[in-house]
Amino acid sequence: MTPQVVSSIVAGATIALGVMLPALAIGIIGKEAVKSIARNPEAGERIQLTALVLVAFAEALGIYALVVALVVKFVS
């Protein structure tokens, strides 16, 4: 295997895991936020704000994975 093939495989695996895991985290955050709001509707605004911030952090992890994958692929 040439270094170009290895770098392509590593970049692909990095972006695959880097997108799947934050997506899973966003789904779990959303599920728990909806369950919490259903249990305590008065705290809905605070729960929604907290969930939104957590989703933004999870999405940032996906963007970081994209940057790492691009660096692995094109910088060598």
Foldseek 3Di string as FASTA:
>chain_A
DDLLVVLLVVLVVLLVVQPVVLVVVLVVLVVVLVVVCVVPVVCNVVSVVVSVVVNVVSVVSSVVSNVVSVCSNPPD
